[in-house]
Amino acid sequence: MMNRFEGSPSREAKIRYLDGDFQIVLAGSHVVCAMTGKAIPVDELRYWSVARQEPYVDAAASLEAEKRAGALPNQRR
């Protein structure tokens, strides 16, 4: 397993997002949420879009990204 802080501890990782997994292309300590701009430590990354190749900080950010992309049907609340 790769050390989380291998190389520069503040460098952004480059990741290829796959179904149910991801592949580190360039080692780094974190990625940046596509919706919030918050840093996500690589070892805490749980949400991403394979289609858009974007990481998300949490389920709410992931859902909002799906809505913005028009990937979910309009739902009444």
N, C-alpha and C. Protein backbone atom coordinates (compact mmCIF):
# COMPACT_ATOMS: atom_id res chain seq x y z
N MET A 1 0.85 -1.19 0.00
CA MET A 1 0.00 0.00 0.00
C MET A 1 0.88 1.24 0.00
N MET A 2 0.48 2.23 -0.75
CA MET A 2 1.24 3.46 -0.87
C MET A 2 1.06 4.32 0.38
N ASN A 3 2.15 4.89 0.85
CA ASN A 3 2.08 5.81 1.97
C ASN A 3 1.31 7.04 1.54
N ARG A 4 0.35 7.44 2.35
CA ARG A 4 -0.49 8.59 2.04
C ARG A 4 0.33 9.85 1.80
N PHE A 5 1.43 9.99 2.49
CA PHE A 5 2.23 11.21 2.39
C PHE A 5 3.48 11.03 1.56
N GLU A 6 3.49 10.03 0.68
CA GLU A 6 4.61 9.84 -0.21
C GLU A 6 4.76 11.06 -1.10
N GLY A 7 5.96 11.53 -1.27
CA GLY A 7 6.16 12.75 -2.06
C GLY A 7 5.76 13.96 -1.23
N SER A 8 5.24 14.98 -1.86
CA SER A 8 4.83 16.20 -1.17
C SER A 8 3.51 15.97 -0.43
N PRO A 9 3.46 16.24 0.86
CA PRO A 9 2.24 16.00 1.61
C PRO A 9 1.08 16.92 1.22
N SER A 10 1.39 18.01 0.54
CA SER A 10 0.30 18.93 0.17
C SER A 10 -0.03 18.88 -1.32
N ARG A 11 0.53 17.92 -2.03
CA ARG A 11 0.29 17.83 -3.47
C ARG A 11 -1.05 17.15 -3.75
N GLU A 12 -1.75 17.68 -4.76
CA GLU A 12 -3.02 17.08 -5.17
C GLU A 12 -2.74 15.83 -5.99
N ALA A 13 -3.42 14.75 -5.65
CA ALA A 13 -3.29 13.50 -6.39
C ALA A 13 -4.08 13.59 -7.69
N LYS A 14 -3.62 12.87 -8.69
CA LYS A 14 -4.37 12.73 -9.95
C LYS A 14 -4.89 11.30 -9.96
N ILE A 15 -6.21 11.17 -10.15
CA ILE A 15 -6.86 9.87 -10.00
C ILE A 15 -7.76 9.58 -11.19
N ARG A 16 -7.76 8.32 -11.61
CA ARG A 16 -8.71 7.83 -12.62
C ARG A 16 -9.81 7.12 -11.85
N TYR A 17 -11.05 7.60 -11.99
CA TYR A 17 -12.18 7.06 -11.24
C TYR A 17 -12.83 5.93 -12.03
N LEU A 18 -12.96 4.78 -11.37
CA LEU A 18 -13.52 3.57 -11.98
C LEU A 18 -14.78 3.17 -11.23
N ASP A 19 -15.51 2.20 -11.75
CA ASP A 19 -16.68 1.67 -11.05
C ASP A 19 -16.24 0.97 -9.78
N GLY A 20 -16.60 1.53 -8.63
CA GLY A 20 -16.30 0.89 -7.34
C GLY A 20 -14.86 0.97 -6.90
N ASP A 21 -14.01 1.65 -7.62
CA ASP A 21 -12.60 1.74 -7.27
C ASP A 21 -11.99 2.95 -7.98
N PHE A 22 -10.75 3.25 -7.66
CA PHE A 22 -10.05 4.30 -8.38
C PHE A 22 -8.59 3.92 -8.50
N GLN A 23 -7.91 4.54 -9.44
CA GLN A 23 -6.52 4.25 -9.74
C GLN A 23 -5.73 5.55 -9.59
N ILE A 24 -4.69 5.52 -8.76
CA ILE A 24 -3.87 6.70 -8.57
C ILE A 24 -2.90 6.83 -9.74
N VAL A 25 -3.01 7.92 -10.48
CA VAL A 25 -2.18 8.19 -11.64
C VAL A 25 -0.93 8.95 -11.20
N LEU A 26 -1.11 9.91 -10.28
CA LEU A 26 0.00 10.69 -9.73
C LEU A 26 -0.22 10.78 -8.22
N ALA A 27 0.72 10.28 -7.45
CA ALA A 27 0.59 10.25 -5.99
C ALA A 27 0.45 11.65 -5.42
N GLY A 28 -0.35 11.77 -4.39
CA GLY A 28 -0.55 13.01 -3.67
C GLY A 28 -1.34 12.72 -2.42
N SER A 29 -1.51 13.72 -1.59
CA SER A 29 -2.19 13.51 -0.31
C SER A 29 -3.70 13.67 -0.39
N HIS A 30 -4.19 14.36 -1.44
CA HIS A 30 -5.61 14.69 -1.49
C HIS A 30 -6.08 14.95 -2.92
N VAL A 31 -7.41 15.02 -3.05
CA VAL A 31 -8.05 15.51 -4.27
C VAL A 31 -8.99 16.63 -3.83
N VAL A 32 -9.52 17.39 -4.78
CA VAL A 32 -10.39 18.52 -4.45
C VAL A 32 -11.81 18.23 -4.93
N CYS A 33 -12.78 18.37 -4.02
CA CYS A 33 -14.18 18.13 -4.35
C CYS A 33 -14.62 19.04 -5.49
N ALA A 34 -15.22 18.45 -6.51
CA ALA A 34 -15.67 19.19 -7.68
C ALA A 34 -16.82 20.15 -7.36
N MET A 35 -17.54 19.90 -6.28
CA MET A 35 -18.68 20.75 -5.94
C MET A 35 -18.34 21.80 -4.88
N THR A 36 -17.58 21.43 -3.88
CA THR A 36 -17.35 22.33 -2.74
C THR A 36 -15.96 22.98 -2.74
N GLY A 37 -15.02 22.38 -3.47
CA GLY A 37 -13.65 22.89 -3.46
C GLY A 37 -12.86 22.46 -2.23
N LYS A 38 -13.46 21.63 -1.37
CA LYS A 38 -12.77 21.15 -0.17
C LYS A 38 -11.78 20.05 -0.52
N ALA A 39 -10.66 20.04 0.21
CA ALA A 39 -9.67 18.97 0.04
C ALA A 39 -10.20 17.69 0.67
N ILE A 40 -10.00 16.58 -0.03
CA ILE A 40 -10.42 15.26 0.47
C ILE A 40 -9.17 14.39 0.54
N PRO A 41 -8.75 13.98 1.75
CA PRO A 41 -7.60 13.07 1.83
C PRO A 41 -7.88 11.82 0.99
N VAL A 42 -6.89 11.37 0.23
CA VAL A 42 -7.08 10.22 -0.66
C VAL A 42 -7.62 9.01 0.10
N ASP A 43 -7.12 8.78 1.32
CA ASP A 43 -7.59 7.61 2.07
C ASP A 43 -9.01 7.77 2.61
N GLU A 44 -9.63 8.93 2.45
CA GLU A 44 -11.01 9.14 2.87
C GLU A 44 -11.96 9.32 1.68
N LEU A 45 -11.44 9.18 0.47
CA LEU A 45 -12.25 9.36 -0.74
C LEU A 45 -13.26 8.22 -0.89
N ARG A 46 -14.55 8.56 -0.90
CA ARG A 46 -15.61 7.55 -1.00
C ARG A 46 -16.61 7.82 -2.12
N TYR A 47 -16.65 9.06 -2.62
CA TYR A 47 -17.66 9.45 -3.60
C TYR A 47 -17.01 10.07 -4.82
N TRP A 48 -17.43 9.60 -6.01
CA TRP A 48 -16.92 10.16 -7.26
C TRP A 48 -17.85 9.78 -8.40
N SER A 49 -17.64 10.46 -9.53
CA SER A 49 -18.40 10.15 -10.74
C SER A 49 -17.45 9.55 -11.77
N VAL A 50 -17.76 8.36 -12.23
CA VAL A 50 -16.98 7.73 -13.29
C VAL A 50 -17.19 8.51 -14.59
N ALA A 51 -18.44 8.87 -14.88
CA ALA A 51 -18.77 9.57 -16.13
C ALA A 51 -18.08 10.93 -16.23
N ARG A 52 -18.05 11.68 -15.12
CA ARG A 52 -17.46 13.02 -15.16
C ARG A 52 -16.03 13.06 -14.62
N GLN A 53 -15.56 11.92 -14.07
CA GLN A 53 -14.20 11.85 -13.51
C GLN A 53 -13.97 12.96 -12.49
N GLU A 54 -14.92 13.06 -11.53
CA GLU A 54 -14.87 14.07 -10.47
C GLU A 54 -15.01 13.43 -9.10
N PRO A 55 -14.25 13.93 -8.10
CA PRO A 55 -14.43 13.46 -6.72
C PRO A 55 -15.39 14.38 -5.95
N TYR A 56 -16.03 13.82 -4.93
CA TYR A 56 -16.95 14.59 -4.08
C TYR A 56 -16.65 14.31 -2.62
N VAL A 57 -16.82 15.34 -1.80
CA VAL A 57 -16.49 15.25 -0.38
C VAL A 57 -17.47 14.35 0.38
N ASP A 58 -18.73 14.31 -0.06
CA ASP A 58 -19.72 13.49 0.63
C ASP A 58 -20.89 13.15 -0.30
N ALA A 59 -21.84 12.40 0.22
CA ALA A 59 -22.98 11.96 -0.58
C ALA A 59 -23.82 13.14 -1.06
N ALA A 60 -23.96 14.17 -0.23
CA ALA A 60 -24.76 15.33 -0.60
C ALA A 60 -24.13 16.06 -1.80
N ALA A 61 -22.83 16.19 -1.81
CA ALA A 61 -22.13 16.84 -2.93
C ALA A 61 -22.27 16.00 -4.19
N SER A 62 -22.20 14.69 -4.04
CA SER A 62 -22.36 13.78 -5.17
C SER A 62 -23.77 13.89 -5.76
N LEU A 63 -24.76 13.93 -4.89
CA LEU A 63 -26.16 14.06 -5.34
C LEU A 63 -26.37 15.38 -6.06
N GLU A 64 -25.83 16.47 -5.51
CA GLU A 64 -25.97 17.79 -6.14
C GLU A 64 -25.33 17.79 -7.53
N ALA A 65 -24.18 17.13 -7.65
CA ALA A 65 -23.50 17.05 -8.95
C ALA A 65 -24.37 16.27 -9.95
N GLU A 66 -24.99 15.21 -9.50
CA GLU A 66 -25.88 14.43 -10.37
C GLU A 66 -27.06 15.28 -10.84
N LYS A 67 -27.62 16.07 -9.93
CA LYS A 67 -28.74 16.95 -10.28
C LYS A 67 -28.30 17.99 -11.30
N ARG A 68 -27.14 18.62 -11.07
CA ARG A 68 -26.64 19.64 -11.99
C ARG A 68 -26.36 19.08 -13.37
N ALA A 69 -25.92 17.83 -13.41
CA ALA A 69 -25.60 17.19 -14.68
C ALA A 69 -26.85 16.69 -15.40
N GLY A 70 -27.99 16.77 -14.72
CA GLY A 70 -29.23 16.29 -15.31
C GLY A 70 -29.32 14.78 -15.33
N ALA A 71 -28.55 14.14 -14.45
CA ALA A 71 -28.50 12.68 -14.43
C ALA A 71 -29.67 12.08 -13.64
N LEU A 72 -30.35 12.91 -12.86
CA LEU A 72 -31.49 12.41 -12.08
C LEU A 72 -32.76 13.05 -12.61
N PRO A 73 -33.85 12.30 -12.64
CA PRO A 73 -35.12 12.90 -13.05
C PRO A 73 -35.57 13.94 -12.02
N ASN A 74 -36.33 14.94 -12.46
CA ASN A 74 -36.83 15.94 -11.52
C ASN A 74 -37.75 15.23 -10.53
N GLN A 75 -37.52 15.53 -9.26
CA GLN A 75 -38.31 14.90 -8.22
C GLN A 75 -39.00 15.97 -7.40
N ARG A 76 -40.26 15.74 -7.08
CA ARG A 76 -40.98 16.68 -6.21
C ARG A 76 -40.75 16.27 -4.78
N ARG A 77 -40.68 17.27 -3.93
CA ARG A 77 -40.48 16.97 -2.50
C ARG A 77 -41.68 17.42 -1.71
